[in-house]
Amino acid sequence: MEFAQGKATPRTRMNDILLRFIVGGAVVSGFALLGDILKPKSFAGLFGAAPSVAIATLVLTVSTQGKVYASLEARSMLFGAVAFFFYALLVSRLLIRGRRSVLPVTALSMTLWFGCAFGCWYAVLR
């Protein structure tokens, strides 16, 4: 595709934006419907955000950069998700059980998130 080779024309950019709009809207709508069906309703926000953005990004990456590059992106998303799990676990425990202030807890816990993500990256690519 022209975009992948660095020769993006205005028409190619418009097609890319249109594709992002259609794929993103369809995936967000699908996950919002899934979140609406499931109980409790607090899952609606969870299903409406991260999975839909990740899937839309991967679809667009496959169409513009190819499957190999998209597989690298998907692996990076998995590492980020694992790191976010540990971040969320630590933040929720410190905020709920420790009754600490939100800003210092989240700021400090971000070091765990980044450390875990880069640790996963280093473990796989060394």
N, C-alpha and C. Protein backbone atom coordinates (compact mmCIF):
# COMPACT_ATOMS: atom_id res chain seq x y z
N MET A 1 0.85 -1.18 0.00
CA MET A 1 0.00 0.00 0.00
C MET A 1 0.89 1.24 0.00
N GLU A 2 0.43 2.31 -0.55
CA GLU A 2 1.22 3.53 -0.66
C GLU A 2 1.62 4.07 0.70
N PHE A 3 0.72 4.02 1.67
CA PHE A 3 0.99 4.57 2.99
C PHE A 3 2.15 3.85 3.66
N ALA A 4 2.22 2.54 3.49
CA ALA A 4 3.27 1.74 4.12
C ALA A 4 4.63 2.06 3.51
N GLN A 5 4.67 2.52 2.28
CA GLN A 5 5.93 2.82 1.61
C GLN A 5 6.32 4.28 1.77
N GLY A 6 5.56 5.06 2.54
CA GLY A 6 5.89 6.45 2.78
C GLY A 6 5.44 7.39 1.68
N LYS A 7 4.58 6.95 0.78
CA LYS A 7 4.10 7.78 -0.33
C LYS A 7 2.63 8.13 -0.14
N ALA A 8 2.29 8.60 1.03
CA ALA A 8 0.89 8.89 1.33
C ALA A 8 0.42 10.10 0.54
N THR A 9 -0.63 9.90 -0.21
CA THR A 9 -1.26 10.99 -0.95
C THR A 9 -2.45 11.48 -0.13
N PRO A 10 -2.99 12.65 -0.47
CA PRO A 10 -4.19 13.10 0.26
C PRO A 10 -5.33 12.09 0.19
N ARG A 11 -5.49 11.43 -0.95
CA ARG A 11 -6.55 10.43 -1.09
C ARG A 11 -6.28 9.23 -0.18
N THR A 12 -5.03 8.80 -0.09
CA THR A 12 -4.67 7.68 0.77
C THR A 12 -4.93 8.04 2.23
N ARG A 13 -4.56 9.26 2.62
CA ARG A 13 -4.81 9.69 4.00
C ARG A 13 -6.30 9.73 4.30
N MET A 14 -7.10 10.18 3.37
CA MET A 14 -8.55 10.24 3.57
C MET A 14 -9.12 8.83 3.69
N ASN A 15 -8.64 7.92 2.84
CA ASN A 15 -9.10 6.52 2.93
C ASN A 15 -8.72 5.92 4.28
N ASP A 16 -7.52 6.24 4.76
CA ASP A 16 -7.08 5.74 6.06
C ASP A 16 -7.96 6.29 7.18
N ILE A 17 -8.29 7.55 7.13
CA ILE A 17 -9.17 8.15 8.14
C ILE A 17 -10.56 7.52 8.08
N LEU A 18 -11.08 7.32 6.88
CA LEU A 18 -12.39 6.70 6.72
C LEU A 18 -12.38 5.26 7.26
N LEU A 19 -11.33 4.52 6.95
CA LEU A 19 -11.22 3.15 7.46
C LEU A 19 -11.14 3.14 8.98
N ARG A 20 -10.38 4.06 9.56
CA ARG A 20 -10.30 4.16 11.02
C ARG A 20 -11.67 4.45 11.62
N PHE A 21 -12.41 5.33 11.00
CA PHE A 21 -13.73 5.70 11.48
C PHE A 21 -14.68 4.50 11.45
N ILE A 22 -14.68 3.78 10.35
CA ILE A 22 -15.60 2.65 10.20
C ILE A 22 -15.22 1.50 11.13
N VAL A 23 -13.96 1.11 11.11
CA VAL A 23 -13.52 0.00 11.96
C VAL A 23 -13.66 0.37 13.43
N GLY A 24 -13.18 1.53 13.80
CA GLY A 24 -13.27 1.96 15.20
C GLY A 24 -14.70 2.04 15.68
N GLY A 25 -15.59 2.61 14.89
CA GLY A 25 -16.99 2.72 15.27
C GLY A 25 -17.67 1.37 15.41
N ALA A 26 -17.38 0.48 14.47
CA ALA A 26 -17.99 -0.86 14.53
C ALA A 26 -17.51 -1.65 15.73
N VAL A 27 -16.22 -1.59 16.00
CA VAL A 27 -15.68 -2.36 17.11
C VAL A 27 -16.14 -1.78 18.45
N VAL A 28 -16.11 -0.46 18.58
CA VAL A 28 -16.59 0.17 19.82
C VAL A 28 -18.06 -0.16 20.04
N SER A 29 -18.86 -0.10 19.00
CA SER A 29 -20.28 -0.42 19.12
C SER A 29 -20.49 -1.87 19.54
N GLY A 30 -19.71 -2.76 18.95
CA GLY A 30 -19.82 -4.18 19.31
C GLY A 30 -19.46 -4.44 20.76
N PHE A 31 -18.39 -3.85 21.22
CA PHE A 31 -18.01 -4.04 22.62
C PHE A 31 -18.97 -3.33 23.57
N ALA A 32 -19.53 -2.20 23.17
CA ALA A 32 -20.52 -1.53 24.01
C ALA A 32 -21.77 -2.39 24.14
N LEU A 33 -22.16 -3.05 23.06
CA LEU A 33 -23.30 -3.97 23.11
C LEU A 33 -23.00 -5.14 24.04
N LEU A 34 -21.81 -5.69 23.93
CA LEU A 34 -21.41 -6.79 24.81
C LEU A 34 -21.42 -6.34 26.27
N GLY A 35 -20.90 -5.15 26.54
CA GLY A 35 -20.90 -4.61 27.90
C GLY A 35 -22.30 -4.36 28.41
N ASP A 36 -23.21 -4.01 27.53
CA ASP A 36 -24.59 -3.76 27.93
C ASP A 36 -25.31 -5.07 28.27
N ILE A 37 -24.94 -6.14 27.60
CA ILE A 37 -25.58 -7.43 27.83
C ILE A 37 -25.11 -8.05 29.15
N LEU A 38 -23.82 -7.88 29.47
CA LEU A 38 -23.25 -8.50 30.66
C LEU A 38 -23.65 -7.77 31.94
N LYS A 39 -23.63 -8.51 33.03
CA LYS A 39 -23.88 -7.94 34.35
C LYS A 39 -22.58 -8.02 35.13
N PRO A 40 -22.20 -7.13 35.96
CA PRO A 40 -22.79 -5.84 36.26
C PRO A 40 -22.52 -4.83 35.14
N LYS A 41 -23.22 -3.77 35.18
CA LYS A 41 -23.11 -2.76 34.13
C LYS A 41 -21.78 -2.03 34.13
N SER A 42 -21.01 -2.19 35.18
CA SER A 42 -19.69 -1.55 35.22
C SER A 42 -18.76 -2.11 34.15
N PHE A 43 -19.07 -3.29 33.61
CA PHE A 43 -18.26 -3.87 32.54
C PHE A 43 -18.42 -3.10 31.22
N ALA A 44 -19.47 -2.33 31.09
CA ALA A 44 -19.72 -1.62 29.82
C ALA A 44 -18.56 -0.69 29.48
N GLY A 45 -18.07 0.06 30.44
CA GLY A 45 -16.95 0.95 30.18
C GLY A 45 -15.67 0.20 29.87
N LEU A 46 -15.47 -0.90 30.56
CA LEU A 46 -14.28 -1.72 30.34
C LEU A 46 -14.27 -2.29 28.93
N PHE A 47 -15.40 -2.81 28.48
CA PHE A 47 -15.47 -3.41 27.15
C PHE A 47 -15.56 -2.37 26.05
N GLY A 48 -15.93 -1.14 26.38
CA GLY A 48 -16.05 -0.12 25.35
C GLY A 48 -14.75 0.57 25.01
N ALA A 49 -13.72 0.40 25.82
CA ALA A 49 -12.51 1.17 25.63
C ALA A 49 -11.35 0.36 25.06
N ALA A 50 -10.59 -0.26 25.91
CA ALA A 50 -9.31 -0.86 25.50
C ALA A 50 -9.42 -1.93 24.42
N PRO A 51 -10.31 -2.92 24.55
CA PRO A 51 -10.34 -3.94 23.50
C PRO A 51 -10.71 -3.39 22.13
N SER A 52 -11.63 -2.46 22.12
CA SER A 52 -12.06 -1.92 20.82
C SER A 52 -10.96 -1.10 20.18
N VAL A 53 -10.24 -0.33 20.95
CA VAL A 53 -9.13 0.46 20.40
C VAL A 53 -8.02 -0.47 19.91
N ALA A 54 -7.73 -1.51 20.69
CA ALA A 54 -6.67 -2.45 20.29
C ALA A 54 -7.03 -3.17 18.99
N ILE A 55 -8.24 -3.64 18.88
CA ILE A 55 -8.64 -4.36 17.67
C ILE A 55 -8.65 -3.44 16.46
N ALA A 56 -9.18 -2.24 16.63
CA ALA A 56 -9.18 -1.29 15.51
C ALA A 56 -7.76 -0.95 15.09
N THR A 57 -6.87 -0.77 16.05
CA THR A 57 -5.48 -0.48 15.73
C THR A 57 -4.83 -1.63 14.97
N LEU A 58 -5.09 -2.85 15.41
CA LEU A 58 -4.49 -4.00 14.73
C LEU A 58 -5.03 -4.17 13.31
N VAL A 59 -6.32 -3.95 13.12
CA VAL A 59 -6.89 -4.05 11.77
C VAL A 59 -6.24 -3.02 10.85
N LEU A 60 -6.10 -1.81 11.33
CA LEU A 60 -5.48 -0.77 10.50
C LEU A 60 -4.00 -1.04 10.27
N THR A 61 -3.33 -1.57 11.27
CA THR A 61 -1.91 -1.88 11.11
C THR A 61 -1.71 -2.99 10.09
N VAL A 62 -2.56 -4.01 10.12
CA VAL A 62 -2.46 -5.08 9.13
C VAL A 62 -2.69 -4.52 7.73
N SER A 63 -3.66 -3.64 7.60
CA SER A 63 -3.98 -3.13 6.26
C SER A 63 -2.92 -2.16 5.73
N THR A 64 -2.18 -1.49 6.62
CA THR A 64 -1.19 -0.52 6.15
C THR A 64 0.24 -1.01 6.24
N GLN A 65 0.57 -1.79 7.26
CA GLN A 65 1.96 -2.19 7.49
C GLN A 65 2.22 -3.67 7.27
N GLY A 66 1.16 -4.48 7.27
CA GLY A 66 1.33 -5.92 7.06
C GLY A 66 1.21 -6.72 8.34
N LYS A 67 1.12 -8.03 8.16
CA LYS A 67 0.86 -8.93 9.29
C LYS A 67 2.04 -9.04 10.25
N VAL A 68 3.25 -9.01 9.72
CA VAL A 68 4.43 -9.16 10.58
C VAL A 68 4.52 -7.99 11.56
N TYR A 69 4.38 -6.79 11.04
CA TYR A 69 4.43 -5.60 11.90
C TYR A 69 3.27 -5.60 12.90
N ALA A 70 2.10 -6.03 12.47
CA ALA A 70 0.94 -6.09 13.36
C ALA A 70 1.16 -7.11 14.48
N SER A 71 1.85 -8.20 14.18
CA SER A 71 2.13 -9.18 15.23
C SER A 71 3.05 -8.60 16.29
N LEU A 72 3.99 -7.77 15.89
CA LEU A 72 4.84 -7.09 16.87
C LEU A 72 4.04 -6.13 17.72
N GLU A 73 3.12 -5.43 17.09
CA GLU A 73 2.25 -4.51 17.83
C GLU A 73 1.36 -5.27 18.81
N ALA A 74 0.84 -6.40 18.39
CA ALA A 74 -0.02 -7.20 19.27
C ALA A 74 0.76 -7.72 20.46
N ARG A 75 1.99 -8.15 20.23
CA ARG A 75 2.83 -8.60 21.34
C ARG A 75 3.08 -7.46 22.32
N SER A 76 3.33 -6.29 21.81
CA SER A 76 3.53 -5.12 22.67
C SER A 76 2.28 -4.80 23.47
N MET A 77 1.12 -4.96 22.85
CA MET A 77 -0.14 -4.73 23.57
C MET A 77 -0.32 -5.73 24.70
N LEU A 78 0.07 -6.97 24.46
CA LEU A 78 -0.02 -7.99 25.51
C LEU A 78 0.89 -7.66 26.68
N PHE A 79 2.11 -7.23 26.40
CA PHE A 79 3.01 -6.84 27.47
C PHE A 79 2.44 -5.66 28.27
N GLY A 80 1.89 -4.71 27.55
CA GLY A 80 1.28 -3.56 28.22
C GLY A 80 0.09 -3.96 29.08
N ALA A 81 -0.68 -4.94 28.62
CA ALA A 81 -1.83 -5.41 29.39
C ALA A 81 -1.40 -6.13 30.67
N VAL A 82 -0.36 -6.94 30.57
CA VAL A 82 0.17 -7.62 31.76
C VAL A 82 0.68 -6.59 32.76
N ALA A 83 1.43 -5.62 32.26
CA ALA A 83 1.95 -4.58 33.15
C ALA A 83 0.81 -3.77 33.76
N PHE A 84 -0.22 -3.48 32.99
CA PHE A 84 -1.35 -2.72 33.52
C PHE A 84 -2.09 -3.52 34.59
N PHE A 85 -2.17 -4.83 34.44
CA PHE A 85 -2.81 -5.66 35.46
C PHE A 85 -2.11 -5.47 36.80
N PHE A 86 -0.78 -5.55 36.81
CA PHE A 86 -0.04 -5.39 38.06
C PHE A 86 -0.16 -3.96 38.60
N TYR A 87 -0.18 -2.98 37.71
CA TYR A 87 -0.39 -1.59 38.12
C TYR A 87 -1.75 -1.44 38.80
N ALA A 88 -2.79 -1.95 38.15
CA ALA A 88 -4.15 -1.82 38.70
C ALA A 88 -4.29 -2.58 40.01
N LEU A 89 -3.65 -3.73 40.11
CA LEU A 89 -3.67 -4.50 41.35
C LEU A 89 -3.05 -3.72 42.50
N LEU A 90 -1.89 -3.14 42.26
CA LEU A 90 -1.21 -2.37 43.30
C LEU A 90 -2.00 -1.12 43.67
N VAL A 91 -2.48 -0.39 42.67
CA VAL A 91 -3.23 0.84 42.95
C VAL A 91 -4.51 0.54 43.74
N SER A 92 -5.24 -0.49 43.33
CA SER A 92 -6.48 -0.79 44.04
C SER A 92 -6.22 -1.22 45.47
N ARG A 93 -5.19 -1.99 45.69
CA ARG A 93 -4.87 -2.41 47.07
C ARG A 93 -4.44 -1.23 47.93
N LEU A 94 -3.61 -0.35 47.37
CA LEU A 94 -3.16 0.79 48.16
C LEU A 94 -4.28 1.79 48.43
N LEU A 95 -5.16 1.98 47.46
CA LEU A 95 -6.24 2.95 47.64
C LEU A 95 -7.37 2.41 48.51
N ILE A 96 -7.74 1.17 48.30
CA ILE A 96 -8.87 0.62 49.05
C ILE A 96 -8.46 0.20 50.45
N ARG A 97 -7.40 -0.55 50.54
CA ARG A 97 -7.00 -1.06 51.85
C ARG A 97 -6.12 -0.08 52.62
N GLY A 98 -5.28 0.66 51.90
CA GLY A 98 -4.36 1.56 52.57
C GLY A 98 -4.91 2.94 52.82
N ARG A 99 -5.99 3.27 52.13
CA ARG A 99 -6.62 4.59 52.25
C ARG A 99 -5.60 5.73 52.08
N ARG A 100 -4.87 5.64 51.00
CA ARG A 100 -3.86 6.65 50.70
C ARG A 100 -4.39 7.63 49.66
N SER A 101 -3.64 8.69 49.44
CA SER A 101 -4.02 9.72 48.47
C SER A 101 -3.81 9.19 47.05
N VAL A 102 -4.71 9.56 46.15
CA VAL A 102 -4.72 9.02 44.80
C VAL A 102 -3.49 9.43 43.99
N LEU A 103 -3.15 10.69 43.97
CA LEU A 103 -2.07 11.17 43.11
C LEU A 103 -0.72 10.51 43.43
N PRO A 104 -0.28 10.47 44.68
CA PRO A 104 1.00 9.80 44.94
C PRO A 104 0.98 8.30 44.63
N VAL A 105 -0.13 7.65 44.92
CA VAL A 105 -0.22 6.21 44.66
C VAL A 105 -0.14 5.92 43.18
N THR A 106 -0.89 6.64 42.37
CA THR A 106 -0.87 6.37 40.93
C THR A 106 0.46 6.78 40.31
N ALA A 107 1.02 7.88 40.75
CA ALA A 107 2.31 8.32 40.20
C ALA A 107 3.41 7.31 40.53
N LEU A 108 3.44 6.85 41.76
CA LEU A 108 4.45 5.87 42.16
C LEU A 108 4.22 4.53 41.48
N SER A 109 2.98 4.14 41.33
CA SER A 109 2.66 2.84 40.73
C SER A 109 2.96 2.81 39.23
N MET A 110 3.03 3.96 38.60
CA MET A 110 3.38 3.99 37.18
C MET A 110 4.79 3.47 36.96
N THR A 111 5.66 3.62 37.95
CA THR A 111 7.00 3.04 37.81
C THR A 111 6.93 1.52 37.73
N LEU A 112 6.00 0.93 38.49
CA LEU A 112 5.78 -0.52 38.40
C LEU A 112 5.28 -0.89 37.01
N TRP A 113 4.34 -0.11 36.49
CA TRP A 113 3.78 -0.38 35.16
C TRP A 113 4.89 -0.36 34.11
N PHE A 114 5.66 0.71 34.09
CA PHE A 114 6.73 0.81 33.09
C PHE A 114 7.79 -0.25 33.31
N GLY A 115 8.15 -0.49 34.55
CA GLY A 115 9.15 -1.51 34.84
C GLY A 115 8.71 -2.89 34.40
N CYS A 116 7.46 -3.21 34.64
CA CYS A 116 6.92 -4.51 34.24
C CYS A 116 6.86 -4.62 32.71
N ALA A 117 6.41 -3.58 32.05
CA ALA A 117 6.32 -3.61 30.59
C ALA A 117 7.70 -3.75 29.96
N PHE A 118 8.66 -2.97 30.43
CA PHE A 118 10.00 -3.06 29.87
C PHE A 118 10.68 -4.36 30.27
N GLY A 119 10.33 -4.89 31.45
CA GLY A 119 10.86 -6.19 31.86
C GLY A 119 10.37 -7.30 30.95
N CYS A 120 9.09 -7.27 30.59
CA CYS A 120 8.54 -8.25 29.64
C CYS A 120 9.23 -8.13 28.29
N TRP A 121 9.41 -6.91 27.85
CA TRP A 121 10.07 -6.66 26.57
C TRP A 121 11.48 -7.20 26.59
N TYR A 122 12.22 -6.92 27.67
CA TYR A 122 13.61 -7.36 27.77
C TYR A 122 13.70 -8.89 27.85
N ALA A 123 12.77 -9.50 28.59
CA ALA A 123 12.78 -10.97 28.74
C ALA A 123 12.57 -11.67 27.41
N VAL A 124 11.76 -11.09 26.54
CA VAL A 124 11.46 -11.75 25.26
C VAL A 124 12.52 -11.44 24.21
N LEU A 125 13.08 -10.26 24.23
CA LEU A 125 14.00 -9.85 23.16
C LEU A 125 15.47 -10.00 23.51
N ARG A 126 15.83 -10.55 24.64
CA ARG A 126 17.27 -10.65 24.97
C ARG A 126 17.95 -11.78 24.27
